[in-house]
mmCIF file of all heavy atoms, coordinates in Angstrom:
data_MODEL
# 
_entry.id   MODEL 
# 
loop_
_atom_site.group_PDB 
_atom_site.id 
_atom_site.type_symbol 
_atom_site.label_atom_id 
_atom_site.label_alt_id 
_atom_site.label_comp_id 
_atom_site.label_asym_id 
_atom_site.label_entity_id 
_atom_site.label_seq_id 
_atom_site.pdbx_PDB_ins_code 
_atom_site.Cartn_x 
_atom_site.Cartn_y 
_atom_site.Cartn_z 
_atom_site.occupancy 
_atom_site.B_iso_or_equiv 
_atom_site.pdbx_formal_charge 
_atom_site.auth_seq_id 
_atom_site.auth_comp_id 
_atom_site.auth_asym_id 
_atom_site.auth_atom_id 
_atom_site.pdbx_PDB_model_num 
ATOM 1   N N   . ASP A 1 1  ? -60.855 -22.644 -29.902 1.00 0.00 ? 1  ASP A N   1 
ATOM 2   C CA  . ASP A 1 1  ? -60.612 -21.798 -31.059 1.00 0.00 ? 1  ASP A CA  1 
ATOM 3   C C   . ASP A 1 1  ? -61.939 -21.656 -31.785 1.00 0.00 ? 1  ASP A C   1 
ATOM 4   O O   . ASP A 1 1  ? -62.381 -22.570 -32.489 1.00 0.00 ? 1  ASP A O   1 
ATOM 5   C CB  . ASP A 1 1  ? -59.568 -22.445 -31.969 1.00 0.00 ? 1  ASP A CB  1 
ATOM 6   C CG  . ASP A 1 1  ? -59.213 -21.581 -33.175 1.00 0.00 ? 1  ASP A CG  1 
ATOM 7   O OD1 . ASP A 1 1  ? -60.014 -20.696 -33.539 1.00 0.00 ? 1  ASP A OD1 1 
ATOM 8   O OD2 . ASP A 1 1  ? -58.143 -21.798 -33.767 1.00 0.00 ? 1  ASP A OD2 1 
ATOM 9   N N   . LEU A 1 2  ? -62.606 -20.526 -31.602 1.00 0.00 ? 2  LEU A N   1 
ATOM 10  C CA  . LEU A 1 2  ? -63.964 -20.359 -32.117 1.00 0.00 ? 2  LEU A CA  1 
ATOM 11  C C   . LEU A 1 2  ? -64.002 -20.241 -33.638 1.00 0.00 ? 2  LEU A C   1 
ATOM 12  O O   . LEU A 1 2  ? -65.051 -20.475 -34.243 1.00 0.00 ? 2  LEU A O   1 
ATOM 13  C CB  . LEU A 1 2  ? -64.615 -19.137 -31.476 1.00 0.00 ? 2  LEU A CB  1 
ATOM 14  C CG  . LEU A 1 2  ? -64.812 -19.226 -29.966 1.00 0.00 ? 2  LEU A CG  1 
ATOM 15  C CD1 . LEU A 1 2  ? -65.442 -17.938 -29.444 1.00 0.00 ? 2  LEU A CD1 1 
ATOM 16  C CD2 . LEU A 1 2  ? -65.673 -20.415 -29.588 1.00 0.00 ? 2  LEU A CD2 1 
ATOM 17  N N   . ALA A 1 3  ? -62.885 -19.894 -34.251 1.00 0.00 ? 3  ALA A N   1 
ATOM 18  C CA  . ALA A 1 3  ? -62.855 -19.830 -35.713 1.00 0.00 ? 3  ALA A CA  1 
ATOM 19  C C   . ALA A 1 3  ? -62.919 -21.231 -36.308 1.00 0.00 ? 3  ALA A C   1 
ATOM 20  O O   . ALA A 1 3  ? -63.655 -21.483 -37.270 1.00 0.00 ? 3  ALA A O   1 
ATOM 21  C CB  . ALA A 1 3  ? -61.604 -19.100 -36.186 1.00 0.00 ? 3  ALA A CB  1 
ATOM 22  N N   . ASP A 1 4  ? -62.146 -22.152 -35.751 1.00 0.00 ? 4  ASP A N   1 
ATOM 23  C CA  . ASP A 1 4  ? -62.118 -23.531 -36.250 1.00 0.00 ? 4  ASP A CA  1 
ATOM 24  C C   . ASP A 1 4  ? -63.172 -24.416 -35.613 1.00 0.00 ? 4  ASP A C   1 
ATOM 25  O O   . ASP A 1 4  ? -63.549 -25.445 -36.186 1.00 0.00 ? 4  ASP A O   1 
ATOM 26  C CB  . ASP A 1 4  ? -60.738 -24.147 -36.001 1.00 0.00 ? 4  ASP A CB  1 
ATOM 27  C CG  . ASP A 1 4  ? -59.642 -23.491 -36.828 1.00 0.00 ? 4  ASP A CG  1 
ATOM 28  O OD1 . ASP A 1 4  ? -59.982 -22.860 -37.849 1.00 0.00 ? 4  ASP A OD1 1 
ATOM 29  O OD2 . ASP A 1 4  ? -58.467 -23.601 -36.442 1.00 0.00 ? 4  ASP A OD2 1 
ATOM 30  N N   . ASP A 1 5  ? -63.649 -24.015 -34.441 1.00 0.00 ? 5  ASP A N   1 
ATOM 31  C CA  . ASP A 1 5  ? -64.527 -24.890 -33.646 1.00 0.00 ? 5  ASP A CA  1 
ATOM 32  C C   . ASP A 1 5  ? -65.658 -24.062 -33.039 1.00 0.00 ? 5  ASP A C   1 
ATOM 33  O O   . ASP A 1 5  ? -65.734 -23.874 -31.826 1.00 0.00 ? 5  ASP A O   1 
ATOM 34  C CB  . ASP A 1 5  ? -63.684 -25.566 -32.548 1.00 0.00 ? 5  ASP A CB  1 
ATOM 35  C CG  . ASP A 1 5  ? -64.481 -26.480 -31.646 1.00 0.00 ? 5  ASP A CG  1 
ATOM 36  O OD1 . ASP A 1 5  ? -65.522 -27.009 -32.096 1.00 0.00 ? 5  ASP A OD1 1 
ATOM 37  O OD2 . ASP A 1 5  ? -64.070 -26.660 -30.478 1.00 0.00 ? 5  ASP A OD2 1 
ATOM 38  N N   . PRO A 1 6  ? -66.561 -23.547 -33.877 1.00 0.00 ? 6  PRO A N   1 
ATOM 39  C CA  . PRO A 1 6  ? -67.615 -22.663 -33.354 1.00 0.00 ? 6  PRO A CA  1 
ATOM 40  C C   . PRO A 1 6  ? -68.576 -23.350 -32.393 1.00 0.00 ? 6  PRO A C   1 
ATOM 41  O O   . PRO A 1 6  ? -69.219 -22.663 -31.596 1.00 0.00 ? 6  PRO A O   1 
ATOM 42  C CB  . PRO A 1 6  ? -68.346 -22.193 -34.626 1.00 0.00 ? 6  PRO A CB  1 
ATOM 43  C CG  . PRO A 1 6  ? -68.037 -23.225 -35.654 1.00 0.00 ? 6  PRO A CG  1 
ATOM 44  C CD  . PRO A 1 6  ? -66.655 -23.708 -35.339 1.00 0.00 ? 6  PRO A CD  1 
ATOM 45  N N   . GLU A 1 7  ? -68.663 -24.678 -32.429 1.00 0.00 ? 7  GLU A N   1 
ATOM 46  C CA  . GLU A 1 7  ? -69.552 -25.396 -31.507 1.00 0.00 ? 7  GLU A CA  1 
ATOM 47  C C   . GLU A 1 7  ? -68.852 -25.757 -30.203 1.00 0.00 ? 7  GLU A C   1 
ATOM 48  O O   . GLU A 1 7  ? -69.439 -26.422 -29.351 1.00 0.00 ? 7  GLU A O   1 
ATOM 49  C CB  . GLU A 1 7  ? -70.099 -26.662 -32.180 1.00 0.00 ? 7  GLU A CB  1 
ATOM 50  C CG  . GLU A 1 7  ? -70.722 -26.448 -33.548 1.00 0.00 ? 7  GLU A CG  1 
ATOM 51  C CD  . GLU A 1 7  ? -71.752 -25.348 -33.564 1.00 0.00 ? 7  GLU A CD  1 
ATOM 52  O OE1 . GLU A 1 7  ? -72.465 -25.174 -32.552 1.00 0.00 ? 7  GLU A OE1 1 
ATOM 53  O OE2 . GLU A 1 7  ? -71.863 -24.650 -34.585 1.00 0.00 ? 7  GLU A OE2 1 
ATOM 54  N N   . GLU A 1 8  ? -67.582 -25.368 -30.051 1.00 0.00 ? 8  GLU A N   1 
ATOM 55  C CA  . GLU A 1 8  ? -66.830 -25.561 -28.796 1.00 0.00 ? 8  GLU A CA  1 
ATOM 56  C C   . GLU A 1 8  ? -66.822 -27.028 -28.365 1.00 0.00 ? 8  GLU A C   1 
ATOM 57  O O   . GLU A 1 8  ? -67.124 -27.372 -27.229 1.00 0.00 ? 8  GLU A O   1 
ATOM 58  C CB  . GLU A 1 8  ? -67.407 -24.662 -27.695 1.00 0.00 ? 8  GLU A CB  1 
ATOM 59  C CG  . GLU A 1 8  ? -67.370 -23.186 -28.078 1.00 0.00 ? 8  GLU A CG  1 
ATOM 60  C CD  . GLU A 1 8  ? -68.203 -22.302 -27.185 1.00 0.00 ? 8  GLU A CD  1 
ATOM 61  O OE1 . GLU A 1 8  ? -69.453 -22.339 -27.330 1.00 0.00 ? 8  GLU A OE1 1 
ATOM 62  O OE2 . GLU A 1 8  ? -67.635 -21.573 -26.346 1.00 0.00 ? 8  GLU A OE2 1 
ATOM 63  N N   . ARG A 1 9  ? -66.396 -27.885 -29.280 1.00 0.00 ? 9  ARG A N   1 
ATOM 64  C CA  . ARG A 1 9  ? -66.372 -29.321 -29.020 1.00 0.00 ? 9  ARG A CA  1 
ATOM 65  C C   . ARG A 1 9  ? -64.968 -29.833 -28.709 1.00 0.00 ? 9  ARG A C   1 
ATOM 66  O O   . ARG A 1 9  ? -64.811 -30.906 -28.141 1.00 0.00 ? 9  ARG A O   1 
ATOM 67  C CB  . ARG A 1 9  ? -66.931 -30.076 -30.234 1.00 0.00 ? 9  ARG A CB  1 
ATOM 68  C CG  . ARG A 1 9  ? -68.392 -29.805 -30.526 1.00 0.00 ? 9  ARG A CG  1 
ATOM 69  C CD  . ARG A 1 9  ? -69.285 -30.449 -29.473 1.00 0.00 ? 9  ARG A CD  1 
ATOM 70  N NE  . ARG A 1 9  ? -69.413 -31.876 -29.689 1.00 0.00 ? 9  ARG A NE  1 
ATOM 71  C CZ  . ARG A 1 9  ? -69.308 -32.811 -28.751 1.00 0.00 ? 9  ARG A CZ  1 
ATOM 72  N NH1 . ARG A 1 9  ? -69.028 -32.463 -27.513 1.00 0.00 ? 9  ARG A NH1 1 
ATOM 73  N NH2 . ARG A 1 9  ? -69.454 -34.085 -29.025 1.00 0.00 ? 9  ARG A NH2 1 
ATOM 74  N N   . THR A 1 10 ? -63.940 -29.055 -29.083 1.00 0.00 ? 10 THR A N   1 
ATOM 75  C CA  . THR A 1 10 ? -62.568 -29.519 -28.912 1.00 0.00 ? 10 THR A CA  1 
ATOM 76  C C   . THR A 1 10 ? -61.837 -28.639 -27.913 1.00 0.00 ? 10 THR A C   1 
ATOM 77  O O   . THR A 1 10 ? -61.492 -27.489 -28.214 1.00 0.00 ? 10 THR A O   1 
ATOM 78  C CB  . THR A 1 10 ? -61.816 -29.511 -30.262 1.00 0.00 ? 10 THR A CB  1 
ATOM 79  O OG1 . THR A 1 10 ? -62.521 -30.320 -31.203 1.00 0.00 ? 10 THR A OG1 1 
ATOM 80  C CG2 . THR A 1 10 ? -60.409 -30.055 -30.086 1.00 0.00 ? 10 THR A CG2 1 
ATOM 81  N N   . ASN A 1 11 ? -61.614 -29.175 -26.719 1.00 0.00 ? 11 ASN A N   1 
ATOM 82  C CA  . ASN A 1 11 ? -60.881 -28.454 -25.681 1.00 0.00 ? 11 ASN A CA  1 
ATOM 83  C C   . ASN A 1 11 ? -59.390 -28.558 -25.976 1.00 0.00 ? 11 ASN A C   1 
ATOM 84  O O   . ASN A 1 11 ? -58.813 -29.655 -25.960 1.00 0.00 ? 11 ASN A O   1 
ATOM 85  C CB  . ASN A 1 11 ? -61.212 -29.039 -24.311 1.00 0.00 ? 11 ASN A CB  1 
ATOM 86  C CG  . ASN A 1 11 ? -60.523 -28.291 -23.182 1.00 0.00 ? 11 ASN A CG  1 
ATOM 87  O OD1 . ASN A 1 11 ? -59.868 -27.272 -23.397 1.00 0.00 ? 11 ASN A OD1 1 
ATOM 88  N ND2 . ASN A 1 11 ? -60.663 -28.803 -21.968 1.00 0.00 ? 11 ASN A ND2 1 
ATOM 89  N N   . LEU A 1 12 ? -58.755 -27.418 -26.241 1.00 0.00 ? 12 LEU A N   1 
ATOM 90  C CA  . LEU A 1 12 ? -57.344 -27.389 -26.611 1.00 0.00 ? 12 LEU A CA  1 
ATOM 91  C C   . LEU A 1 12 ? -56.414 -27.243 -25.411 1.00 0.00 ? 12 LEU A C   1 
ATOM 92  O O   . LEU A 1 12 ? -55.214 -27.054 -25.595 1.00 0.00 ? 12 LEU A O   1 
ATOM 93  C CB  . LEU A 1 12 ? -57.103 -26.219 -27.580 1.00 0.00 ? 12 LEU A CB  1 
ATOM 94  C CG  . LEU A 1 12 ? -57.880 -26.257 -28.904 1.00 0.00 ? 12 LEU A CG  1 
ATOM 95  C CD1 . LEU A 1 12 ? -57.672 -24.954 -29.667 1.00 0.00 ? 12 LEU A CD1 1 
ATOM 96  C CD2 . LEU A 1 12 ? -57.465 -27.448 -29.741 1.00 0.00 ? 12 LEU A CD2 1 
ATOM 97  N N   . ALA A 1 13 ? -56.959 -27.364 -24.194 1.00 0.00 ? 13 ALA A N   1 
ATOM 98  C CA  . ALA A 1 13 ? -56.137 -27.121 -23.003 1.00 0.00 ? 13 ALA A CA  1 
ATOM 99  C C   . ALA A 1 13 ? -54.978 -28.105 -22.892 1.00 0.00 ? 13 ALA A C   1 
ATOM 100 O O   . ALA A 1 13 ? -53.939 -27.778 -22.306 1.00 0.00 ? 13 ALA A O   1 
ATOM 101 C CB  . ALA A 1 13 ? -57.001 -27.188 -21.744 1.00 0.00 ? 13 ALA A CB  1 
ATOM 102 N N   . ALA A 1 14 ? -55.129 -29.304 -23.448 1.00 0.00 ? 14 ALA A N   1 
ATOM 103 C CA  . ALA A 1 14 ? -54.055 -30.301 -23.376 1.00 0.00 ? 14 ALA A CA  1 
ATOM 104 C C   . ALA A 1 14 ? -53.227 -30.355 -24.653 1.00 0.00 ? 14 ALA A C   1 
ATOM 105 O O   . ALA A 1 14 ? -52.311 -31.166 -24.766 1.00 0.00 ? 14 ALA A O   1 
ATOM 106 C CB  . ALA A 1 14 ? -54.649 -31.677 -23.086 1.00 0.00 ? 14 ALA A CB  1 
ATOM 107 N N   . SER A 1 15 ? -53.549 -29.494 -25.613 1.00 0.00 ? 15 SER A N   1 
ATOM 108 C CA  . SER A 1 15 ? -52.838 -29.519 -26.891 1.00 0.00 ? 15 SER A CA  1 
ATOM 109 C C   . SER A 1 15 ? -51.419 -28.981 -26.726 1.00 0.00 ? 15 SER A C   1 
ATOM 110 O O   . SER A 1 15 ? -51.228 -27.861 -26.242 1.00 0.00 ? 15 SER A O   1 
ATOM 111 C CB  . SER A 1 15 ? -53.591 -28.664 -27.915 1.00 0.00 ? 15 SER A CB  1 
ATOM 112 O OG  . SER A 1 15 ? -52.781 -28.377 -29.027 1.00 0.00 ? 15 SER A OG  1 
ATOM 113 N N   . PRO A 1 16 ? -50.393 -29.746 -27.120 1.00 0.00 ? 16 PRO A N   1 
ATOM 114 C CA  . PRO A 1 16 ? -49.012 -29.253 -27.003 1.00 0.00 ? 16 PRO A CA  1 
ATOM 115 C C   . PRO A 1 16 ? -48.783 -27.951 -27.759 1.00 0.00 ? 16 PRO A C   1 
ATOM 116 O O   . PRO A 1 16 ? -47.973 -27.116 -27.344 1.00 0.00 ? 16 PRO A O   1 
ATOM 117 C CB  . PRO A 1 16 ? -48.181 -30.400 -27.603 1.00 0.00 ? 16 PRO A CB  1 
ATOM 118 C CG  . PRO A 1 16 ? -49.045 -31.617 -27.474 1.00 0.00 ? 16 PRO A CG  1 
ATOM 119 C CD  . PRO A 1 16 ? -50.451 -31.122 -27.633 1.00 0.00 ? 16 PRO A CD  1 
ATOM 120 N N   . ASP A 1 17 ? -49.514 -27.760 -28.865 1.00 0.00 ? 17 ASP A N   1 
ATOM 121 C CA  . ASP A 1 17 ? -49.317 -26.551 -29.673 1.00 0.00 ? 17 ASP A CA  1 
ATOM 122 C C   . ASP A 1 17 ? -49.904 -25.299 -29.035 1.00 0.00 ? 17 ASP A C   1 
ATOM 123 O O   . ASP A 1 17 ? -49.676 -24.190 -29.537 1.00 0.00 ? 17 ASP A O   1 
ATOM 124 C CB  . ASP A 1 17 ? -49.957 -26.745 -31.052 1.00 0.00 ? 17 ASP A CB  1 
ATOM 125 C CG  . ASP A 1 17 ? -49.270 -27.826 -31.869 1.00 0.00 ? 17 ASP A CG  1 
ATOM 126 O OD1 . ASP A 1 17 ? -48.086 -28.113 -31.591 1.00 0.00 ? 17 ASP A OD1 1 
ATOM 127 O OD2 . ASP A 1 17 ? -49.928 -28.391 -32.760 1.00 0.00 ? 17 ASP A OD2 1 
ATOM 128 N N   . HIS A 1 18 ? -50.662 -25.463 -27.947 1.00 0.00 ? 18 HIS A N   1 
ATOM 129 C CA  . HIS A 1 18 ? -51.352 -24.322 -27.357 1.00 0.00 ? 18 HIS A CA  1 
ATOM 130 C C   . HIS A 1 18 ? -50.920 -24.032 -25.920 1.00 0.00 ? 18 HIS A C   1 
ATOM 131 O O   . HIS A 1 18 ? -51.569 -23.254 -25.228 1.00 0.00 ? 18 HIS A O   1 
ATOM 132 C CB  . HIS A 1 18 ? -52.869 -24.535 -27.397 1.00 0.00 ? 18 HIS A CB  1 
ATOM 133 C CG  . HIS A 1 18 ? -53.436 -24.540 -28.782 1.00 0.00 ? 18 HIS A CG  1 
ATOM 134 N ND1 . HIS A 1 18 ? -53.416 -25.646 -29.587 1.00 0.00 ? 18 HIS A ND1 1 
ATOM 135 C CD2 . HIS A 1 18 ? -54.024 -23.540 -29.519 1.00 0.00 ? 18 HIS A CD2 1 
ATOM 136 C CE1 . HIS A 1 18 ? -53.977 -25.356 -30.748 1.00 0.00 ? 18 HIS A CE1 1 
ATOM 137 N NE2 . HIS A 1 18 ? -54.346 -24.098 -30.737 1.00 0.00 ? 18 HIS A NE2 1 
ATOM 138 N N   . GLN A 1 19 ? -49.830 -24.661 -25.473 1.00 0.00 ? 19 GLN A N   1 
ATOM 139 C CA  . GLN A 1 19 ? -49.425 -24.491 -24.072 1.00 0.00 ? 19 GLN A CA  1 
ATOM 140 C C   . GLN A 1 19 ? -48.940 -23.082 -23.755 1.00 0.00 ? 19 GLN A C   1 
ATOM 141 O O   . GLN A 1 19 ? -49.182 -22.564 -22.662 1.00 0.00 ? 19 GLN A O   1 
ATOM 142 C CB  . GLN A 1 19 ? -48.354 -25.525 -23.714 1.00 0.00 ? 19 GLN A CB  1 
ATOM 143 C CG  . GLN A 1 19 ? -48.871 -26.954 -23.678 1.00 0.00 ? 19 GLN A CG  1 
ATOM 144 C CD  . GLN A 1 19 ? -50.138 -27.095 -22.851 1.00 0.00 ? 19 GLN A CD  1 
ATOM 145 O OE1 . GLN A 1 19 ? -50.120 -26.877 -21.630 1.00 0.00 ? 19 GLN A OE1 1 
ATOM 146 N NE2 . GLN A 1 19 ? -51.241 -27.438 -23.500 1.00 0.00 ? 19 GLN A NE2 1 
ATOM 147 N N   . LYS A 1 20 ? -48.255 -22.447 -24.691 1.00 0.00 ? 20 LYS A N   1 
ATOM 148 C CA  . LYS A 1 20 ? -47.806 -21.073 -24.447 1.00 0.00 ? 20 LYS A CA  1 
ATOM 149 C C   . LYS A 1 20 ? -49.006 -20.140 -24.317 1.00 0.00 ? 20 LYS A C   1 
ATOM 150 O O   . LYS A 1 20 ? -49.057 -19.294 -23.409 1.00 0.00 ? 20 LYS A O   1 
ATOM 151 C CB  . LYS A 1 20 ? -46.883 -20.613 -25.573 1.00 0.00 ? 20 LYS A CB  1 
ATOM 152 C CG  . LYS A 1 20 ? -46.338 -19.208 -25.360 1.00 0.00 ? 20 LYS A CG  1 
ATOM 153 C CD  . LYS A 1 20 ? -45.366 -18.817 -26.473 1.00 0.00 ? 20 LYS A CD  1 
ATOM 154 C CE  . LYS A 1 20 ? -44.839 -17.395 -26.251 1.00 0.00 ? 20 LYS A CE  1 
ATOM 155 N NZ  . LYS A 1 20 ? -43.886 -16.997 -27.336 1.00 0.00 ? 20 LYS A NZ  1 
ATOM 156 N N   . LEU A 1 21 ? -49.969 -20.292 -25.224 1.00 0.00 ? 21 LEU A N   1 
ATOM 157 C CA  . LEU A 1 21 ? -51.184 -19.482 -25.160 1.00 0.00 ? 21 LEU A CA  1 
ATOM 158 C C   . LEU A 1 21 ? -51.935 -19.746 -23.867 1.00 0.00 ? 21 LEU A C   1 
ATOM 159 O O   . LEU A 1 21 ? -52.388 -18.807 -23.189 1.00 0.00 ? 21 LEU A O   1 
ATOM 160 C CB  . LEU A 1 21 ? -52.071 -19.796 -26.369 1.00 0.00 ? 21 LEU A CB  1 
ATOM 161 C CG  . LEU A 1 21 ? -53.401 -19.054 -26.469 1.00 0.00 ? 21 LEU A CG  1 
ATOM 162 C CD1 . LEU A 1 21 ? -53.169 -17.556 -26.683 1.00 0.00 ? 21 LEU A CD1 1 
ATOM 163 C CD2 . LEU A 1 21 ? -54.243 -19.617 -27.621 1.00 0.00 ? 21 LEU A CD2 1 
ATOM 164 N N   . LEU A 1 22 ? -52.066 -21.021 -23.509 1.00 0.00 ? 22 LEU A N   1 
ATOM 165 C CA  . LEU A 1 22 ? -52.763 -21.393 -22.280 1.00 0.00 ? 22 LEU A CA  1 
ATOM 166 C C   . LEU A 1 22 ? -52.083 -20.782 -21.062 1.00 0.00 ? 22 LEU A C   1 
ATOM 167 O O   . LEU A 1 22 ? -52.741 -20.230 -20.166 1.00 0.00 ? 22 LEU A O   1 
ATOM 168 C CB  . LEU A 1 22 ? -52.814 -22.915 -22.157 1.00 0.00 ? 22 LEU A CB  1 
ATOM 169 C CG  . LEU A 1 22 ? -53.664 -23.475 -21.022 1.00 0.00 ? 22 LEU A CG  1 
ATOM 170 C CD1 . LEU A 1 22 ? -55.135 -23.498 -21.428 1.00 0.00 ? 22 LEU A CD1 1 
ATOM 171 C CD2 . LEU A 1 22 ? -53.218 -24.893 -20.665 1.00 0.00 ? 22 LEU A CD2 1 
ATOM 172 N N   . GLY A 1 23 ? -50.750 -20.866 -21.012 1.00 0.00 ? 23 GLY A N   1 
ATOM 173 C CA  . GLY A 1 23 ? -50.016 -20.307 -19.884 1.00 0.00 ? 23 GLY A CA  1 
ATOM 174 C C   . GLY A 1 23 ? -50.208 -18.812 -19.756 1.00 0.00 ? 23 GLY A C   1 
ATOM 175 O O   . GLY A 1 23 ? -50.348 -18.275 -18.647 1.00 0.00 ? 23 GLY A O   1 
ATOM 176 N N   . GLY A 1 24 ? -50.235 -18.122 -20.895 1.00 0.00 ? 24 GLY A N   1 
ATOM 177 C CA  . GLY A 1 24 ? -50.469 -16.679 -20.859 1.00 0.00 ? 24 GLY A CA  1 
ATOM 178 C C   . GLY A 1 24 ? -51.837 -16.336 -20.315 1.00 0.00 ? 24 GLY A C   1 
ATOM 179 O O   . GLY A 1 24 ? -51.993 -15.388 -19.530 1.00 0.00 ? 24 GLY A O   1 
ATOM 180 N N   . PHE A 1 25 ? -52.862 -17.102 -20.709 1.00 0.00 ? 25 PHE A N   1 
ATOM 181 C CA  . PHE A 1 25 ? -54.205 -16.878 -20.191 1.00 0.00 ? 25 PHE A CA  1 
ATOM 182 C C   . PHE A 1 25 ? -54.248 -17.129 -18.680 1.00 0.00 ? 25 PHE A C   1 
ATOM 183 O O   . PHE A 1 25 ? -54.921 -16.398 -17.939 1.00 0.00 ? 25 PHE A O   1 
ATOM 184 C CB  . PHE A 1 25 ? -55.206 -17.771 -20.912 1.00 0.00 ? 25 PHE A CB  1 
ATOM 185 C CG  . PHE A 1 25 ? -55.704 -17.228 -22.215 1.00 0.00 ? 25 PHE A CG  1 
ATOM 186 C CD1 . PHE A 1 25 ? -55.718 -18.021 -23.359 1.00 0.00 ? 25 PHE A CD1 1 
ATOM 187 C CD2 . PHE A 1 25 ? -56.174 -15.926 -22.312 1.00 0.00 ? 25 PHE A CD2 1 
ATOM 188 C CE1 . PHE A 1 25 ? -56.184 -17.522 -24.572 1.00 0.00 ? 25 PHE A CE1 1 
ATOM 189 C CE2 . PHE A 1 25 ? -56.643 -15.415 -23.516 1.00 0.00 ? 25 PHE A CE2 1 
ATOM 190 C CZ  . PHE A 1 25 ? -56.645 -16.214 -24.647 1.00 0.00 ? 25 PHE A CZ  1 
# 
């Protein structure tokens, strides 16, 4: 999420809140 994490330090691929978004991608 470049708005919250512009330095790209937090990979959200395992985040439960982002699984629907991840699946769509």
